[in-house]
Amino acid sequence: MWHVPDCPLLDQVREALGECLRHSGLDIAVREREGGYPSPTLVIDGVDVATGAPPVPGVYCRLDLPTHEQIHAALNGEDRRGMTLA
């Protein structure tokens, strides 16, 4: 998870990710990077979960937070159209 210091939306994404991990039964270590990123950005396997594309640089507050459905799909190796990623 990428974020800027004191991001007001970070806990919301942390909670959603935690719920999805518990629901899926996965035991995955979550790493966080604090710095000049769109915040918060959840990145799984090099993909921005909210957009389905590689993350882009920039410092701004995100309004497009990933949904539970998007997080579940990313954890299961699927893109947002339900196709398995190679």
PDB file of N, CA and C in Angstrom:
ATOM      1  N   MET A   1       0.847  -1.158   0.000  1.00  0.00           N
ATOM      2  CA  MET A   1       0.000   0.000   0.000  1.00  0.00           C
ATOM      3  C   MET A   1       0.901   1.232   0.000  1.00  0.00           C
ATOM      4  N   TRP A   2       0.651   2.119  -0.917  1.00  0.00           N
ATOM      5  CA  TRP A   2       1.435   3.344  -1.032  1.00  0.00           C
ATOM      6  C   TRP A   2       0.597   4.494  -0.496  1.00  0.00           C
ATOM      7  N   HIS A   3       1.250   5.406   0.236  1.00  0.00           N
ATOM      8  CA  HIS A   3       0.504   6.527   0.808  1.00  0.00           C
ATOM      9  C   HIS A   3       1.425   7.664   1.211  1.00  0.00           C
ATOM     10  N   VAL A   4       0.828   8.821   1.408  1.00  0.00           N
ATOM     11  CA  VAL A   4       1.544   9.969   1.954  1.00  0.00           C
ATOM     12  C   VAL A   4       1.327   9.981   3.461  1.00  0.00           C
ATOM     13  N   PRO A   5       2.188  10.683   4.205  1.00  0.00           N
ATOM     14  CA  PRO A   5       2.000  10.758   5.653  1.00  0.00           C
ATOM     15  C   PRO A   5       0.629  11.352   5.999  1.00  0.00           C
ATOM     16  N   ASP A   6       0.016  10.797   7.012  1.00  0.00           N
ATOM     17  CA  ASP A   6      -1.257  11.306   7.553  1.00  0.00           C
ATOM     18  C   ASP A   6      -2.414  11.275   6.560  1.00  0.00           C
ATOM     19  N   CYS A   7      -2.409  10.336   5.635  1.00  0.00           N
ATOM     20  CA  CYS A   7      -3.508  10.215   4.675  1.00  0.00           C
ATOM     21  C   CYS A   7      -4.800   9.878   5.426  1.00  0.00           C
ATOM     22  N   PRO A   8      -5.852  10.678   5.275  1.00  0.00           N
ATOM     23  CA  PRO A   8      -7.089  10.428   6.013  1.00  0.00           C
ATOM     24  C   PRO A   8      -7.877   9.210   5.519  1.00  0.00           C
ATOM     25  N   LEU A   9      -7.556   8.686   4.339  1.00  0.00           N
ATOM     26  CA  LEU A   9      -8.291   7.544   3.794  1.00  0.00           C
ATOM     27  C   LEU A   9      -7.548   6.225   3.957  1.00  0.00           C
ATOM     28  N   LEU A  10      -6.335   6.271   4.485  1.00  0.00           N
ATOM     29  CA  LEU A  10      -5.506   5.078   4.590  1.00  0.00           C
ATOM     30  C   LEU A  10      -6.158   3.994   5.439  1.00  0.00           C
ATOM     31  N   ASP A  11      -6.708   4.355   6.580  1.00  0.00           N
ATOM     32  CA  ASP A  11      -7.324   3.347   7.451  1.00  0.00           C
ATOM     33  C   ASP A  11      -8.501   2.653   6.778  1.00  0.00           C
ATOM     34  N   GLN A  12      -9.227   3.373   5.949  1.00  0.00           N
ATOM     35  CA  GLN A  12     -10.369   2.782   5.238  1.00  0.00           C
ATOM     36  C   GLN A  12      -9.892   1.676   4.293  1.00  0.00           C
ATOM     37  N   VAL A  13      -8.797   1.908   3.591  1.00  0.00           N
ATOM     38  CA  VAL A  13      -8.269   0.903   2.667  1.00  0.00           C
ATOM     39  C   VAL A  13      -7.621  -0.237   3.446  1.00  0.00           C
ATOM     40  N   ARG A  14      -6.923   0.078   4.530  1.00  0.00           N
ATOM     41  CA  ARG A  14      -6.349  -0.973   5.380  1.00  0.00           C
ATOM     42  C   ARG A  14      -7.444  -1.918   5.870  1.00  0.00           C
ATOM     43  N   GLU A  15      -8.544  -1.341   6.329  1.00  0.00           N
ATOM     44  CA  GLU A  15      -9.653  -2.145   6.847  1.00  0.00           C
ATOM     45  C   GLU A  15     -10.263  -3.021   5.750  1.00  0.00           C
ATOM     46  N   ALA A  16     -10.490  -2.449   4.579  1.00  0.00           N
ATOM     47  CA  ALA A  16     -11.071  -3.220   3.470  1.00  0.00           C
ATOM     48  C   ALA A  16     -10.139  -4.360   3.067  1.00  0.00           C
ATOM     49  N   LEU A  17      -8.844  -4.087   2.987  1.00  0.00           N
ATOM     50  CA  LEU A  17      -7.887  -5.130   2.631  1.00  0.00           C
ATOM     51  C   LEU A  17      -7.863  -6.218   3.696  1.00  0.00           C
ATOM     52  N   GLY A  18      -7.867  -5.824   4.962  1.00  0.00           N
ATOM     53  CA  GLY A  18      -7.880  -6.808   6.046  1.00  0.00           C
ATOM     54  C   GLY A  18      -9.105  -7.700   5.995  1.00  0.00           C
ATOM     55  N   GLU A  19     -10.266  -7.113   5.740  1.00  0.00           N
ATOM     56  CA  GLU A  19     -11.503  -7.891   5.634  1.00  0.00           C
ATOM     57  C   GLU A  19     -11.413  -8.887   4.479  1.00  0.00           C
ATOM     58  N   CYS A  20     -10.892  -8.433   3.348  1.00  0.00           N
ATOM     59  CA  CYS A  20     -10.786  -9.311   2.174  1.00  0.00           C
ATOM     60  C   CYS A  20      -9.783 -10.434   2.419  1.00  0.00           C
ATOM     61  N   LEU A  21      -8.679 -10.133   3.083  1.00  0.00           N
ATOM     62  CA  LEU A  21      -7.697 -11.171   3.397  1.00  0.00           C
ATOM     63  C   LEU A  21      -8.293 -12.210   4.335  1.00  0.00           C
ATOM     64  N   ARG A  22      -9.003 -11.751   5.365  1.00  0.00           N
ATOM     65  CA  ARG A  22      -9.636 -12.693   6.304  1.00  0.00           C
ATOM     66  C   ARG A  22     -10.677 -13.549   5.591  1.00  0.00           C
ATOM     67  N   HIS A  23     -11.480 -12.938   4.753  1.00  0.00           N
ATOM     68  CA  HIS A  23     -12.532 -13.658   4.035  1.00  0.00           C
ATOM     69  C   HIS A  23     -11.954 -14.709   3.095  1.00  0.00           C
ATOM     70  N   SER A  24     -10.828 -14.380   2.466  1.00  0.00           N
ATOM     71  CA  SER A  24     -10.225 -15.304   1.504  1.00  0.00           C
ATOM     72  C   SER A  24      -9.359 -16.363   2.168  1.00  0.00           C
ATOM     73  N   GLY A  25      -9.035 -16.166   3.450  1.00  0.00           N
ATOM     74  CA  GLY A  25      -8.188 -17.121   4.155  1.00  0.00           C
ATOM     75  C   GLY A  25      -6.714 -17.004   3.815  1.00  0.00           C
ATOM     76  N   LEU A  26      -6.341 -15.943   3.128  1.00  0.00           N
ATOM     77  CA  LEU A  26      -4.942 -15.744   2.750  1.00  0.00           C
ATOM     78  C   LEU A  26      -4.158 -15.131   3.905  1.00  0.00           C
ATOM     79  N   ASP A  27      -2.931 -15.580   4.065  1.00  0.00           N
ATOM     80  CA  ASP A  27      -2.032 -15.026   5.078  1.00  0.00           C
ATOM     81  C   ASP A  27      -0.893 -14.341   4.333  1.00  0.00           C
ATOM     82  N   ILE A  28      -1.086 -13.071   4.032  1.00  0.00           N
ATOM     83  CA  ILE A  28      -0.141 -12.318   3.217  1.00  0.00           C
ATOM     84  C   ILE A  28       0.369 -11.133   4.020  1.00  0.00           C
ATOM     85  N   ALA A  29       1.671 -10.939   3.996  1.00  0.00           N
ATOM     86  CA  ALA A  29       2.258  -9.766   4.639  1.00  0.00           C
ATOM     87  C   ALA A  29       1.967  -8.536   3.779  1.00  0.00           C
ATOM     88  N   VAL A  30       1.477  -7.491   4.406  1.00  0.00           N
ATOM     89  CA  VAL A  30       1.166  -6.252   3.702  1.00  0.00           C
ATOM     90  C   VAL A  30       2.292  -5.258   3.980  1.00  0.00           C
ATOM     91  N   ARG A  31       2.893  -4.769   2.917  1.00  0.00           N
ATOM     92  CA  ARG A  31       3.946  -3.765   3.060  1.00  0.00           C
ATOM     93  C   ARG A  31       3.378  -2.405   2.695  1.00  0.00           C
ATOM     94  N   GLU A  32       3.858  -1.398   3.410  1.00  0.00           N
ATOM     95  CA  GLU A  32       3.431  -0.032   3.125  1.00  0.00           C
ATOM     96  C   GLU A  32       4.640   0.808   2.751  1.00  0.00           C
ATOM     97  N   ARG A  33       4.432   1.695   1.798  1.00  0.00           N
ATOM     98  CA  ARG A  33       5.455   2.648   1.381  1.00  0.00           C
ATOM     99  C   ARG A  33       4.911   4.046   1.605  1.00  0.00           C
ATOM    100  N   GLU A  34       5.619   4.813   2.382  1.00  0.00           N
ATOM    101  CA  GLU A  34       5.225   6.196   2.605  1.00  0.00           C
ATOM    102  C   GLU A  34       6.096   7.082   1.730  1.00  0.00           C
ATOM    103  N   GLY A  35       5.474   7.967   0.986  1.00  0.00           N
ATOM    104  CA  GLY A  35       6.244   8.839   0.109  1.00  0.00           C
ATOM    105  C   GLY A  35       5.355   9.609  -0.836  1.00  0.00           C
ATOM    106  N   GLY A  36       5.910   9.955  -1.975  1.00  0.00           N
ATOM    107  CA  GLY A  36       5.211  10.783  -2.947  1.00  0.00           C
ATOM    108  C   GLY A  36       4.360   9.992  -3.911  1.00  0.00           C
ATOM    109  N   TYR A  37       3.296   9.419  -3.401  1.00  0.00           N
ATOM    110  CA  TYR A  37       2.421   8.570  -4.207  1.00  0.00           C
ATOM    111  C   TYR A  37       0.990   9.102  -4.158  1.00  0.00           C
ATOM    112  N   PRO A  38       0.170   8.761  -5.153  1.00  0.00           N
ATOM    113  CA  PRO A  38      -1.263   8.999  -4.994  1.00  0.00           C
ATOM    114  C   PRO A  38      -1.702   8.222  -3.752  1.00  0.00           C
ATOM    115  N   SER A  39      -2.451   8.841  -2.891  1.00  0.00           N
ATOM    116  CA  SER A  39      -2.671   8.230  -1.589  1.00  0.00           C
ATOM    117  C   SER A  39      -4.144   8.103  -1.230  1.00  0.00           C
ATOM    118  N   PRO A  40      -4.534   6.911  -0.784  1.00  0.00           N
ATOM    119  CA  PRO A  40      -3.767   5.674  -0.725  1.00  0.00           C
ATOM    120  C   PRO A  40      -3.898   4.893  -2.031  1.00  0.00           C
ATOM    121  N   THR A  41      -2.852   4.171  -2.387  1.00  0.00           N
ATOM    122  CA  THR A  41      -2.868   3.312  -3.568  1.00  0.00           C
ATOM    123  C   THR A  41      -2.582   1.887  -3.131  1.00  0.00           C
ATOM    124  N   LEU A  42      -3.500   0.982  -3.390  1.00  0.00           N
ATOM    125  CA  LEU A  42      -3.310  -0.432  -3.091  1.00  0.00           C
ATOM    126  C   LEU A  42      -2.757  -1.095  -4.345  1.00  0.00           C
ATOM    127  N   VAL A  43      -1.548  -1.649  -4.229  1.00  0.00           N
ATOM    128  CA  VAL A  43      -0.864  -2.277  -5.358  1.00  0.00           C
ATOM    129  C   VAL A  43      -0.705  -3.761  -5.062  1.00  0.00           C
ATOM    130  N   ILE A  44      -1.222  -4.601  -5.950  1.00  0.00           N
ATOM    131  CA  ILE A  44      -1.069  -6.052  -5.832  1.00  0.00           C
ATOM    132  C   ILE A  44      -0.482  -6.554  -7.142  1.00  0.00           C
ATOM    133  N   ASP A  45       0.646  -7.239  -7.044  1.00  0.00           N
ATOM    134  CA  ASP A  45       1.352  -7.766  -8.223  1.00  0.00           C
ATOM    135  C   ASP A  45       1.628  -6.680  -9.262  1.00  0.00           C
ATOM    136  N   GLY A  46       2.007  -5.483  -8.789  1.00  0.00           N
ATOM    137  CA  GLY A  46       2.377  -4.398  -9.692  1.00  0.00           C
ATOM    138  C   GLY A  46       1.227  -3.672 -10.342  1.00  0.00           C
ATOM    139  N   VAL A  47       0.007  -3.931  -9.890  1.00  0.00           N
ATOM    140  CA  VAL A  47      -1.183  -3.314 -10.486  1.00  0.00           C
ATOM    141  C   VAL A  47      -1.931  -2.500  -9.433  1.00  0.00           C
ATOM    142  N   ASP A  48      -2.333  -1.287  -9.799  1.00  0.00           N
ATOM    143  CA  ASP A  48      -3.175  -0.450  -8.950  1.00  0.00           C
ATOM    144  C   ASP A  48      -4.560  -1.093  -8.934  1.00  0.00           C
ATOM    145  N   VAL A  49      -4.986  -1.547  -7.781  1.00  0.00           N
ATOM    146  CA  VAL A  49      -6.235  -2.312  -7.680  1.00  0.00           C
ATOM    147  C   VAL A  49      -7.446  -1.481  -8.103  1.00  0.00           C
ATOM    148  N   ALA A  50      -7.447  -0.189  -7.827  1.00  0.00           N
ATOM    149  CA  ALA A  50      -8.602   0.649  -8.165  1.00  0.00           C
ATOM    150  C   ALA A  50      -8.739   0.891  -9.661  1.00  0.00           C
ATOM    151  N   THR A  51      -7.612   0.916 -10.387  1.00  0.00           N
ATOM    152  CA  THR A  51      -7.680   1.234 -11.817  1.00  0.00           C
ATOM    153  C   THR A  51      -7.429   0.037 -12.722  1.00  0.00           C
ATOM    154  N   GLY A  52      -6.772  -0.996 -12.201  1.00  0.00           N
ATOM    155  CA  GLY A  52      -6.421  -2.146 -13.023  1.00  0.00           C
ATOM    156  C   GLY A  52      -5.225  -1.892 -13.921  1.00  0.00           C
ATOM    157  N   ALA A  53      -4.522  -0.790 -13.696  1.00  0.00           N
ATOM    158  CA  ALA A  53      -3.360  -0.407 -14.503  1.00  0.00           C
ATOM    159  C   ALA A  53      -2.137  -0.268 -13.600  1.00  0.00           C
ATOM    160  N   PRO A  54      -0.954  -0.181 -14.190  1.00  0.00           N
ATOM    161  CA  PRO A  54       0.223   0.072 -13.360  1.00  0.00           C
ATOM    162  C   PRO A  54       0.066   1.402 -12.613  1.00  0.00           C
ATOM    163  N   PRO A  55       0.587   1.488 -11.401  1.00  0.00           N
ATOM    164  CA  PRO A  55       0.466   2.733 -10.642  1.00  0.00           C
ATOM    165  C   PRO A  55       1.234   3.870 -11.317  1.00  0.00           C
ATOM    166  N   VAL A  56       0.732   5.071 -11.146  1.00  0.00           N
ATOM    167  CA  VAL A  56       1.372   6.254 -11.723  1.00  0.00           C
ATOM    168  C   VAL A  56       1.936   7.124 -10.604  1.00  0.00           C
ATOM    169  N   PRO A  57       3.030   7.838 -10.885  1.00  0.00           N
ATOM    170  CA  PRO A  57       3.597   8.709  -9.858  1.00  0.00           C
ATOM    171  C   PRO A  57       2.760   9.968  -9.694  1.00  0.00           C
ATOM    172  N   GLY A  58       2.920  10.608  -8.560  1.00  0.00           N
ATOM    173  CA  GLY A  58       2.230  11.858  -8.293  1.00  0.00           C
ATOM    174  C   GLY A  58       1.741  11.899  -6.868  1.00  0.00           C
ATOM    175  N   VAL A  59       1.660  13.088  -6.335  1.00  0.00           N
ATOM    176  CA  VAL A  59       1.193  13.247  -4.963  1.00  0.00           C
ATOM    177  C   VAL A  59      -0.169  13.917  -5.002  1.00  0.00           C
ATOM    178  N   TYR A  60      -1.184  13.164  -4.671  1.00  0.00           N
ATOM    179  CA  TYR A  60      -2.528  13.718  -4.567  1.00  0.00           C
ATOM    180  C   TYR A  60      -3.390  12.770  -3.757  1.00  0.00           C
ATOM    181  N   CYS A  61      -4.504  13.277  -3.287  1.00  0.00           N
ATOM    182  CA  CYS A  61      -5.443  12.474  -2.495  1.00  0.00           C
ATOM    183  C   CYS A  61      -6.358  11.720  -3.453  1.00  0.00           C
ATOM    184  N   ARG A  62      -6.409  10.405  -3.292  1.00  0.00           N
ATOM    185  CA  ARG A  62      -7.252   9.573  -4.153  1.00  0.00           C
ATOM    186  C   ARG A  62      -8.695   9.604  -3.686  1.00  0.00           C
ATOM    187  N   LEU A  63      -9.582   9.669  -4.627  1.00  0.00           N
ATOM    188  CA  LEU A  63     -11.006   9.555  -4.330  1.00  0.00           C
ATOM    189  C   LEU A  63     -11.557   8.229  -4.829  1.00  0.00           C
ATOM    190  N   ASP A  64     -10.796   7.558  -5.707  1.00  0.00           N
ATOM    191  CA  ASP A  64     -11.229   6.284  -6.289  1.00  0.00           C
ATOM    192  C   ASP A  64     -10.622   5.121  -5.504  1.00  0.00           C
ATOM    193  N   LEU A  65     -11.136   4.894  -4.316  1.00  0.00           N
ATOM    194  CA  LEU A  65     -10.623   3.812  -3.482  1.00  0.00           C
ATOM    195  C   LEU A  65     -11.091   2.466  -4.032  1.00  0.00           C
ATOM    196  N   PRO A  66     -10.269   1.426  -3.860  1.00  0.00           N
ATOM    197  CA  PRO A  66     -10.671   0.112  -4.368  1.00  0.00           C
ATOM    198  C   PRO A  66     -11.855  -0.450  -3.592  1.00  0.00           C
ATOM    199  N   THR A  67     -12.747  -1.101  -4.310  1.00  0.00           N
ATOM    200  CA  THR A  67     -13.901  -1.744  -3.677  1.00  0.00           C
ATOM    201  C   THR A  67     -13.489  -3.119  -3.161  1.00  0.00           C
ATOM    202  N   HIS A  68     -14.334  -3.693  -2.323  1.00  0.00           N
ATOM    203  CA  HIS A  68     -14.081  -5.055  -1.852  1.00  0.00           C
ATOM    204  C   HIS A  68     -14.008  -6.021  -3.034  1.00  0.00           C
ATOM    205  N   GLU A  69     -14.858  -5.823  -4.025  1.00  0.00           N
ATOM    206  CA  GLU A  69     -14.866  -6.697  -5.194  1.00  0.00           C
ATOM    207  C   GLU A  69     -13.547  -6.602  -5.956  1.00  0.00           C
ATOM    208  N   GLN A  70     -13.031  -5.388  -6.118  1.00  0.00           N
ATOM    209  CA  GLN A  70     -11.755  -5.209  -6.807  1.00  0.00           C
ATOM    210  C   GLN A  70     -10.610  -5.847  -6.022  1.00  0.00           C
ATOM    211  N   ILE A  71     -10.642  -5.703  -4.706  1.00  0.00           N
ATOM    212  CA  ILE A  71      -9.593  -6.290  -3.875  1.00  0.00           C
ATOM    213  C   ILE A  71      -9.644  -7.808  -3.958  1.00  0.00           C
ATOM    214  N   HIS A  72     -10.839  -8.388  -3.841  1.00  0.00           N
ATOM    215  CA  HIS A  72     -10.975  -9.851  -3.953  1.00  0.00           C
ATOM    216  C   HIS A  72     -10.459 -10.344  -5.305  1.00  0.00           C
ATOM    217  N   ALA A  73     -10.819  -9.648  -6.378  1.00  0.00           N
ATOM    218  CA  ALA A  73     -10.370 -10.055  -7.711  1.00  0.00           C
ATOM    219  C   ALA A  73      -8.848 -10.002  -7.810  1.00  0.00           C
ATOM    220  N   ALA A  74      -8.244  -8.948  -7.280  1.00  0.00           N
ATOM    221  CA  ALA A  74      -6.784  -8.823  -7.330  1.00  0.00           C
ATOM    222  C   ALA A  74      -6.112  -9.910  -6.500  1.00  0.00           C
ATOM    223  N   LEU A  75      -6.666 -10.221  -5.343  1.00  0.00           N
ATOM    224  CA  LEU A  75      -6.095 -11.272  -4.497  1.00  0.00           C
ATOM    225  C   LEU A  75      -6.205 -12.642  -5.156  1.00  0.00           C
ATOM    226  N   ASN A  76      -7.217 -12.809  -5.999  1.00  0.00           N
ATOM    227  CA  ASN A  76      -7.417 -14.083  -6.692  1.00  0.00           C
ATOM    228  C   ASN A  76      -6.764 -14.114  -8.068  1.00  0.00           C
ATOM    229  N   GLY A  77      -5.974 -13.082  -8.398  1.00  0.00           N
ATOM    230  CA  GLY A  77      -5.261 -13.067  -9.670  1.00  0.00           C
ATOM    231  C   GLY A  77      -6.124 -12.768 -10.865  1.00  0.00           C
ATOM    232  N   GLU A  78      -7.229 -12.051 -10.667  1.00  0.00           N
ATOM    233  CA  GLU A  78      -8.129 -11.700 -11.763  1.00  0.00           C
ATOM    234  C   GLU A  78      -8.063 -10.204 -12.006  1.00  0.00           C
ATOM    235  N   ASP A  79      -8.275  -9.790 -13.252  1.00  0.00           N
ATOM    236  CA  ASP A  79      -8.396  -8.362 -13.490  1.00  0.00           C
ATOM    237  C   ASP A  79      -9.857  -7.967 -13.279  1.00  0.00           C
ATOM    238  N   ARG A  80     -10.179  -6.713 -13.533  1.00  0.00           N
ATOM    239  CA  ARG A  80     -11.528  -6.232 -13.236  1.00  0.00           C
ATOM    240  C   ARG A  80     -12.590  -6.773 -14.178  1.00  0.00           C
ATOM    241  N   ARG A  81     -12.196  -7.437 -15.244  1.00  0.00           N
ATOM    242  CA  ARG A  81     -13.179  -8.048 -16.147  1.00  0.00           C
ATOM    243  C   ARG A  81     -13.376  -9.517 -15.807  1.00  0.00           C
ATOM    244  N   GLY A  82     -12.682  -9.992 -14.756  1.00  0.00           N
ATOM    245  CA  GLY A  82     -12.840 -11.372 -14.337  1.00  0.00           C
ATOM    246  C   GLY A  82     -11.948 -12.349 -15.074  1.00  0.00           C
ATOM    247  N   MET A  83     -11.035 -11.858 -15.902  1.00  0.00           N
ATOM    248  CA  MET A  83     -10.117 -12.725 -16.627  1.00  0.00           C
ATOM    249  C   MET A  83      -8.870 -12.945 -15.783  1.00  0.00           C
ATOM    250  N   THR A  84      -8.309 -14.127 -15.838  1.00  0.00           N
ATOM    251  CA  THR A  84      -7.107 -14.420 -15.076  1.00  0.00           C
ATOM    252  C   THR A  84      -5.914 -13.698 -15.687  1.00  0.00           C
ATOM    253  N   LEU A  85      -5.120 -13.061 -14.831  1.00  0.00           N
ATOM    254  CA  LEU A  85      -3.913 -12.387 -15.294  1.00  0.00           C
ATOM    255  C   LEU A  85      -2.818 -13.404 -15.545  1.00  0.00           C
ATOM    256  N   ALA A  86      -2.014 -13.178 -16.552  1.00  0.00           N
ATOM    257  CA  ALA A  86      -0.896 -14.086 -16.861  1.00  0.00           C
ATOM    258  C   ALA A  86       0.251 -13.851 -15.901  1.00  0.00           C
TER     259      ALA A  86
END
